[in-house]
Amino acid sequence: MALINCTECGREISDAATVCPHCGAPVIKDVFCPKCGTKVPANVKFCPTCGAEIARPAVVCNNRKDKLVAGLLAIFLGGLGIHYFYLGKNTAGVISIVLTICSCSIWALLMLVQGIYMLTMTDDDFYAKYVDNDKTLPLF
């Protein structure tokens, strides 16, 4: 086990860590091109030297919510905010219930549209908007 510096705060952390214990930033490991072996920046999709595609390892996270379940809950029970409760956004769920009552169920129709939108967006976009970003309150 070795110590490396966090790319965000600069403090020393274990190379086995997945997130920095000091600032919470994800630890980005060195990425190498599978074709030519060149060290490449962590945010590129293709090697700048040879043009080969850089495969990213799948991130395994136990708190990932299923996009299909969230989308179907929004379509069928969106007026009750069930999809928000499923995603862990309890405040948005309560607001959704209140808006459904106050708008005579017009809000439930908007949640139907949101459910279709959830099902058609990419997995990365879904997780960025509804799961990973806990600081925002996406009501639509």
C-alpha atoms as a PDB file:
ATOM      1  CA  MET A   1       0.000   0.000   0.000  1.00  0.00           C
ATOM      2  CA  ALA A   2       1.347   3.393  -0.988  1.00  0.00           C
ATOM      3  CA  LEU A   3       0.356   6.981  -0.432  1.00  0.00           C
ATOM      4  CA  ILE A   4      -0.713   9.220  -3.282  1.00  0.00           C
ATOM      5  CA  ASN A   5      -1.834  12.845  -3.383  1.00  0.00           C
ATOM      6  CA  CYS A   6      -5.483  13.718  -3.858  1.00  0.00           C
ATOM      7  CA  THR A   7      -6.059  15.583  -7.129  1.00  0.00           C
ATOM      8  CA  GLU A   8      -8.549  17.945  -5.437  1.00  0.00           C
ATOM      9  CA  CYS A   9      -7.131  18.836  -2.008  1.00  0.00           C
ATOM     10  CA  GLY A  10      -3.528  17.641  -2.427  1.00  0.00           C
ATOM     11  CA  ARG A  11      -3.431  15.734   0.865  1.00  0.00           C
ATOM     12  CA  GLU A  12      -1.898  12.266   1.081  1.00  0.00           C
ATOM     13  CA  ILE A  13      -4.289   9.323   0.882  1.00  0.00           C
ATOM     14  CA  SER A  14      -4.019   5.577   0.410  1.00  0.00           C
ATOM     15  CA  ASP A  15      -3.797   4.336  -3.169  1.00  0.00           C
ATOM     16  CA  ALA A  16      -6.441   1.744  -2.274  1.00  0.00           C
ATOM     17  CA  ALA A  17      -9.011   4.431  -1.415  1.00  0.00           C
ATOM     18  CA  THR A  18     -11.874   5.062  -3.832  1.00  0.00           C
ATOM     19  CA  VAL A  19     -12.638   8.529  -2.446  1.00  0.00           C
ATOM     20  CA  CYS A  20     -10.512  11.043  -0.559  1.00  0.00           C
ATOM     21  CA  PRO A  21     -11.356  10.864   3.164  1.00  0.00           C
ATOM     22  CA  HIS A  22     -10.547  14.564   3.525  1.00  0.00           C
ATOM     23  CA  CYS A  23     -12.540  16.178   0.715  1.00  0.00           C
ATOM     24  CA  GLY A  24     -14.669  13.334  -0.689  1.00  0.00           C
ATOM     25  CA  ALA A  25     -13.287  13.621  -4.235  1.00  0.00           C
ATOM     26  CA  PRO A  26     -13.138  10.357  -6.207  1.00  0.00           C
ATOM     27  CA  VAL A  27      -9.651   8.903  -6.524  1.00  0.00           C
ATOM     28  CA  ILE A  28      -8.697   8.650 -10.177  1.00  0.00           C
ATOM     29  CA  LYS A  29      -6.128   5.980 -10.897  1.00  0.00           C
ATOM     30  CA  ASP A  30      -3.537   6.308 -13.651  1.00  0.00           C
ATOM     31  CA  VAL A  31      -4.973   5.331 -17.031  1.00  0.00           C
ATOM     32  CA  PHE A  32      -2.854   3.709 -19.721  1.00  0.00           C
ATOM     33  CA  CYS A  33      -3.657   3.046 -23.374  1.00  0.00           C
ATOM     34  CA  PRO A  34      -4.237  -0.691 -23.951  1.00  0.00           C
ATOM     35  CA  LYS A  35      -2.697  -0.492 -27.427  1.00  0.00           C
ATOM     36  CA  CYS A  36       0.461   1.584 -27.028  1.00  0.00           C
ATOM     37  CA  GLY A  37       0.821   1.744 -23.218  1.00  0.00           C
ATOM     38  CA  THR A  38       1.006   5.540 -23.072  1.00  0.00           C
ATOM     39  CA  LYS A  39      -0.238   7.219 -19.886  1.00  0.00           C
ATOM     40  CA  VAL A  40      -3.306   9.253 -20.853  1.00  0.00           C
ATOM     41  CA  PRO A  41      -5.402  11.828 -18.998  1.00  0.00           C
ATOM     42  CA  ALA A  42      -8.242  10.319 -17.001  1.00  0.00           C
ATOM     43  CA  ASN A  43     -10.983  12.186 -18.887  1.00  0.00           C
ATOM     44  CA  VAL A  44     -10.181  11.179 -22.496  1.00  0.00           C
ATOM     45  CA  LYS A  45     -12.018   8.505 -24.472  1.00  0.00           C
ATOM     46  CA  PHE A  46      -9.337   8.000 -27.124  1.00  0.00           C
ATOM     47  CA  CYS A  47      -5.552   7.807 -26.821  1.00  0.00           C
ATOM     48  CA  PRO A  48      -3.970  11.044 -28.126  1.00  0.00           C
ATOM     49  CA  THR A  49      -0.947   9.059 -29.369  1.00  0.00           C
ATOM     50  CA  CYS A  50      -2.439   6.131 -31.289  1.00  0.00           C
ATOM     51  CA  GLY A  51      -6.197   6.902 -31.329  1.00  0.00           C
ATOM     52  CA  ALA A  52      -7.241   3.660 -29.619  1.00  0.00           C
ATOM     53  CA  GLU A  53     -10.374   3.755 -27.498  1.00  0.00           C
ATOM     54  CA  ILE A  54      -9.707   3.873 -23.761  1.00  0.00           C
ATOM     55  CA  ALA A  55     -12.004   1.430 -21.989  1.00  0.00           C
ATOM     56  CA  ARG A  56     -13.157   2.567 -18.565  1.00  0.00           C
ATOM     57  CA  PRO A  57     -13.778   0.008 -15.856  1.00  0.00           C
ATOM     58  CA  ALA A  58     -17.374  -0.175 -14.753  1.00  0.00           C
ATOM     59  CA  VAL A  59     -17.991   1.597 -11.481  1.00  0.00           C
ATOM     60  CA  VAL A  60     -19.678  -0.713  -9.023  1.00  0.00           C
ATOM     61  CA  CYS A  61     -21.731   1.073  -6.444  1.00  0.00           C
ATOM     62  CA  ASN A  62     -24.282  -0.509  -4.163  1.00  0.00           C
ATOM     63  CA  ASN A  63     -26.459   2.588  -3.921  1.00  0.00           C
ATOM     64  CA  ARG A  64     -27.137   2.761  -7.664  1.00  0.00           C
ATOM     65  CA  LYS A  65     -30.825   2.941  -8.422  1.00  0.00           C
ATOM     66  CA  ASP A  66     -32.323   1.241 -11.444  1.00  0.00           C
ATOM     67  CA  LYS A  67     -33.337   3.655 -14.201  1.00  0.00           C
ATOM     68  CA  LEU A  68     -36.106   1.365 -15.442  1.00  0.00           C
ATOM     69  CA  VAL A  69     -37.710   1.108 -12.003  1.00  0.00           C
ATOM     70  CA  ALA A  70     -37.529   4.881 -11.444  1.00  0.00           C
ATOM     71  CA  GLY A  71     -38.989   5.591 -14.891  1.00  0.00           C
ATOM     72  CA  LEU A  72     -41.859   3.145 -14.485  1.00  0.00           C
ATOM     73  CA  LEU A  73     -42.634   4.467 -11.004  1.00  0.00           C
ATOM     74  CA  ALA A  74     -42.735   7.998 -12.441  1.00  0.00           C
ATOM     75  CA  ILE A  75     -45.082   6.898 -15.222  1.00  0.00           C
ATOM     76  CA  PHE A  76     -47.537   4.937 -13.084  1.00  0.00           C
ATOM     77  CA  LEU A  77     -47.229   6.579  -9.631  1.00  0.00           C
ATOM     78  CA  GLY A  78     -45.575   9.905 -10.435  1.00  0.00           C
ATOM     79  CA  GLY A  79     -48.328  11.987  -8.895  1.00  0.00           C
ATOM     80  CA  LEU A  80     -47.577  10.383  -5.548  1.00  0.00           C
ATOM     81  CA  GLY A  81     -43.856  11.103  -5.909  1.00  0.00           C
ATOM     82  CA  ILE A  82     -42.989   7.432  -5.449  1.00  0.00           C
ATOM     83  CA  HIS A  83     -40.087   7.634  -7.903  1.00  0.00           C
ATOM     84  CA  TYR A  84     -38.550  10.432  -5.828  1.00  0.00           C
ATOM     85  CA  PHE A  85     -38.839   8.366  -2.661  1.00  0.00           C
ATOM     86  CA  TYR A  86     -37.227   5.451  -4.531  1.00  0.00           C
ATOM     87  CA  LEU A  87     -34.336   7.711  -5.569  1.00  0.00           C
ATOM     88  CA  GLY A  88     -33.883   8.910  -1.983  1.00  0.00           C
ATOM     89  CA  LYS A  89     -35.201  12.415  -2.651  1.00  0.00           C
ATOM     90  CA  ASN A  90     -37.850  12.544   0.065  1.00  0.00           C
ATOM     91  CA  THR A  91     -38.350  16.308  -0.045  1.00  0.00           C
ATOM     92  CA  ALA A  92     -39.074  16.177  -3.774  1.00  0.00           C
ATOM     93  CA  GLY A  93     -41.514  13.321  -3.133  1.00  0.00           C
ATOM     94  CA  VAL A  94     -43.479  15.337  -0.588  1.00  0.00           C
ATOM     95  CA  ILE A  95     -43.468  18.407  -2.866  1.00  0.00           C
ATOM     96  CA  SER A  96     -44.735  16.223  -5.706  1.00  0.00           C
ATOM     97  CA  ILE A  97     -47.670  15.008  -3.599  1.00  0.00           C
ATOM     98  CA  VAL A  98     -48.579  18.577  -2.632  1.00  0.00           C
ATOM     99  CA  LEU A  99     -48.330  19.776  -6.249  1.00  0.00           C
ATOM    100  CA  THR A 100     -50.549  16.918  -7.432  1.00  0.00           C
ATOM    101  CA  ILE A 101     -53.222  17.838  -4.902  1.00  0.00           C
ATOM    102  CA  CYS A 102     -52.994  21.586  -5.563  1.00  0.00           C
ATOM    103  CA  SER A 103     -52.989  21.253  -9.351  1.00  0.00           C
ATOM    104  CA  CYS A 104     -55.901  18.803  -9.588  1.00  0.00           C
ATOM    105  CA  SER A 105     -53.595  16.048 -10.879  1.00  0.00           C
ATOM    106  CA  ILE A 106     -52.011  18.104 -13.670  1.00  0.00           C
ATOM    107  CA  TRP A 107     -48.684  17.506 -11.922  1.00  0.00           C
ATOM    108  CA  ALA A 108     -49.232  13.750 -12.316  1.00  0.00           C
ATOM    109  CA  LEU A 109     -49.348  14.240 -16.095  1.00  0.00           C
ATOM    110  CA  LEU A 110     -46.033  16.066 -15.946  1.00  0.00           C
ATOM    111  CA  MET A 111     -44.584  13.167 -13.965  1.00  0.00           C
ATOM    112  CA  LEU A 112     -45.741  10.837 -16.760  1.00  0.00           C
ATOM    113  CA  VAL A 113     -43.645  12.903 -19.169  1.00  0.00           C
ATOM    114  CA  GLN A 114     -40.744  12.828 -16.717  1.00  0.00           C
ATOM    115  CA  GLY A 115     -40.972   9.036 -16.523  1.00  0.00           C
ATOM    116  CA  ILE A 116     -40.742   8.754 -20.302  1.00  0.00           C
ATOM    117  CA  TYR A 117     -37.817  11.182 -20.229  1.00  0.00           C
ATOM    118  CA  MET A 118     -36.066   9.055 -17.577  1.00  0.00           C
ATOM    119  CA  LEU A 119     -36.452   5.932 -19.674  1.00  0.00           C
ATOM    120  CA  THR A 120     -35.081   7.567 -22.828  1.00  0.00           C
ATOM    121  CA  MET A 121     -32.006   9.238 -21.324  1.00  0.00           C
ATOM    122  CA  THR A 122     -28.637   7.505 -21.155  1.00  0.00           C
ATOM    123  CA  ASP A 123     -27.578   5.758 -17.964  1.00  0.00           C
ATOM    124  CA  ASP A 124     -24.793   8.297 -17.371  1.00  0.00           C
ATOM    125  CA  ASP A 125     -27.192  11.231 -17.747  1.00  0.00           C
ATOM    126  CA  PHE A 126     -29.752   9.565 -15.483  1.00  0.00           C
ATOM    127  CA  TYR A 127     -27.251   8.908 -12.698  1.00  0.00           C
ATOM    128  CA  ALA A 128     -25.766  12.392 -13.019  1.00  0.00           C
ATOM    129  CA  LYS A 129     -29.158  14.101 -12.797  1.00  0.00           C
ATOM    130  CA  TYR A 130     -31.149  11.948 -10.403  1.00  0.00           C
ATOM    131  CA  VAL A 131     -28.805   9.746  -8.359  1.00  0.00           C
ATOM    132  CA  ASP A 132     -25.267  11.128  -8.030  1.00  0.00           C
ATOM    133  CA  ASN A 133     -26.129  14.773  -7.565  1.00  0.00           C
ATOM    134  CA  ASP A 134     -27.604  14.929  -4.069  1.00  0.00           C
ATOM    135  CA  LYS A 135     -27.246  18.709  -3.808  1.00  0.00           C
ATOM    136  CA  THR A 136     -30.010  19.525  -6.285  1.00  0.00           C
ATOM    137  CA  LEU A 137     -33.743  18.928  -6.164  1.00  0.00           C
ATOM    138  CA  PRO A 138     -34.772  17.943  -9.711  1.00  0.00           C
ATOM    139  CA  LEU A 139     -38.526  18.268  -9.816  1.00  0.00           C
ATOM    140  CA  PHE A 140     -38.552  17.804 -13.559  1.00  0.00           C
END
